Amino acid sequence: MKESETPNFSKEPKYNLNTIKLAFNTVNKLNMTVSAMSGQYELGFSDQDVVDAIQALTSADFYKSMPPEHAGFSAWHDVYKPTYKNVKLYVKFQIDKRGEMIISFKAR
């Protein structure tokens, strides 16, 4: 089934972008999955680069909201597709009872 045919995807964000930016406004506040950290390292980005990329997000960078794909995740994911340092990124966030988390941070 194509994504456009999947009723569980949304073109509206589930989370307020300002909440996301506030949650990740310093390197000490970064909360990332192993997969997101791997993507960061593959890009050669520092923790400060991740913070700066998130702080530069705009609503125009929003791509979609989607249900979780993997076991252990229960909250929806907001996906953004910004460009930072001339790199086209795929950045995915979720907020659940454990707080805000960066699920994915990689080149698209």
Protein backbone atom coordinates (compact mmCIF):
# COMPACT_ATOMS: atom_id res chain seq x y z
CA MET A 1 0.00 0.00 0.00
CA LYS A 2 1.33 3.43 -0.90
CA GLU A 3 1.80 6.01 1.82
CA SER A 4 -0.81 8.26 0.21
CA GLU A 5 -3.34 5.41 0.56
CA THR A 6 -2.53 4.81 4.23
CA PRO A 7 -5.13 6.47 6.45
CA ASN A 8 -2.78 6.60 9.44
CA PHE A 9 -0.55 9.29 7.97
CA SER A 10 -1.33 12.94 8.62
CA LYS A 11 -0.23 16.11 6.87
CA GLU A 12 -0.68 18.00 10.16
CA PRO A 13 1.97 17.82 12.90
CA LYS A 14 0.98 16.11 16.15
CA TYR A 15 3.41 18.21 18.19
CA ASN A 16 3.98 21.94 18.48
CA LEU A 17 7.26 22.86 16.78
CA ASN A 18 8.11 25.36 19.52
CA THR A 19 7.79 22.55 22.08
CA ILE A 20 10.24 20.47 20.06
CA LYS A 21 12.67 23.38 19.74
CA LEU A 22 12.50 24.09 23.47
CA ALA A 23 13.06 20.42 24.29
CA PHE A 24 16.28 20.32 22.24
CA ASN A 25 17.72 23.82 22.63
CA THR A 26 21.03 22.71 24.20
CA VAL A 27 23.33 19.73 23.72
CA ASN A 28 22.63 18.61 27.28
CA LYS A 29 18.94 18.18 26.39
CA LEU A 30 19.46 15.94 23.35
CA ASN A 31 17.58 12.66 23.73
CA MET A 32 18.22 10.49 20.68
CA THR A 33 17.76 6.87 19.70
CA VAL A 34 20.84 4.85 18.74
CA SER A 35 19.65 5.04 15.14
CA ALA A 36 19.45 8.86 15.27
CA MET A 37 22.93 9.08 16.81
CA SER A 38 24.30 6.76 14.11
CA GLY A 39 22.84 9.04 11.45
CA GLN A 40 24.35 12.07 13.14
CA TYR A 41 27.80 10.48 13.23
CA GLU A 42 27.55 9.31 9.61
CA LEU A 43 26.90 12.94 8.64
CA GLY A 44 29.89 14.11 10.69
CA PHE A 45 27.59 16.37 12.72
CA SER A 46 28.40 17.41 16.26
CA ASP A 47 25.81 17.55 19.01
CA GLN A 48 25.72 21.32 18.51
CA ASP A 49 24.95 20.77 14.81
CA VAL A 50 21.93 18.67 15.81
CA VAL A 51 20.74 21.43 18.16
CA ASP A 52 21.29 24.10 15.48
CA ALA A 53 19.49 22.05 12.82
CA ILE A 54 16.49 21.62 15.12
CA GLN A 55 16.48 25.29 16.09
CA ALA A 56 16.44 26.21 12.37
CA LEU A 57 13.32 24.11 11.65
CA THR A 58 10.28 25.92 10.30
CA SER A 59 6.73 24.76 9.69
CA ALA A 60 7.61 24.65 5.97
CA ASP A 61 10.04 21.80 6.76
CA PHE A 62 7.22 19.62 8.10
CA TYR A 63 6.60 16.54 5.95
CA LYS A 64 4.14 14.26 7.75
CA SER A 65 3.00 12.64 11.00
CA MET A 66 3.05 8.88 11.12
CA PRO A 67 2.29 6.08 13.56
CA PRO A 68 5.30 4.32 15.09
CA GLU A 69 6.95 1.68 12.90
CA HIS A 70 8.78 -0.33 15.56
CA ALA A 71 7.83 -2.18 18.73
CA GLY A 72 8.49 -0.20 21.86
CA PHE A 73 7.29 3.07 20.40
CA SER A 74 3.68 4.08 20.99
CA ALA A 75 3.52 7.77 20.15
CA TRP A 76 3.10 9.31 16.71
CA HIS A 77 6.19 10.63 14.93
CA ASP A 78 6.44 14.04 13.30
CA VAL A 79 8.78 14.03 10.31
CA TYR A 80 10.62 17.09 9.02
CA LYS A 81 12.74 17.41 5.88
CA PRO A 82 14.98 20.45 6.39
CA THR A 83 18.25 21.38 4.75
CA TYR A 84 21.11 22.19 7.11
CA LYS A 85 24.73 22.86 6.09
CA ASN A 86 23.66 22.04 2.52
CA VAL A 87 22.59 18.55 3.62
CA LYS A 88 19.01 17.44 3.04
CA LEU A 89 17.91 15.86 6.31
CA TYR A 90 15.18 13.51 7.49
CA VAL A 91 14.41 14.24 11.16
CA LYS A 92 11.75 12.41 13.15
CA PHE A 93 10.47 13.29 16.65
CA GLN A 94 8.08 11.81 19.14
CA ILE A 95 6.71 12.89 22.50
CA ASP A 96 5.41 10.28 24.91
CA LYS A 97 5.25 9.65 28.65
CA ARG A 98 9.07 9.51 28.71
CA GLY A 99 9.34 12.94 27.10
CA GLU A 100 10.65 14.23 23.80
CA MET A 101 12.90 12.05 21.66
CA ILE A 102 14.70 12.34 18.34
CA ILE A 103 13.84 9.07 16.61
CA SER A 104 15.73 9.65 13.35
CA PHE A 105 18.36 12.14 12.20
CA LYS A 106 19.88 11.27 8.83
CA ALA A 107 20.47 12.37 5.26
CA ARG A 108 17.57 11.80 2.90
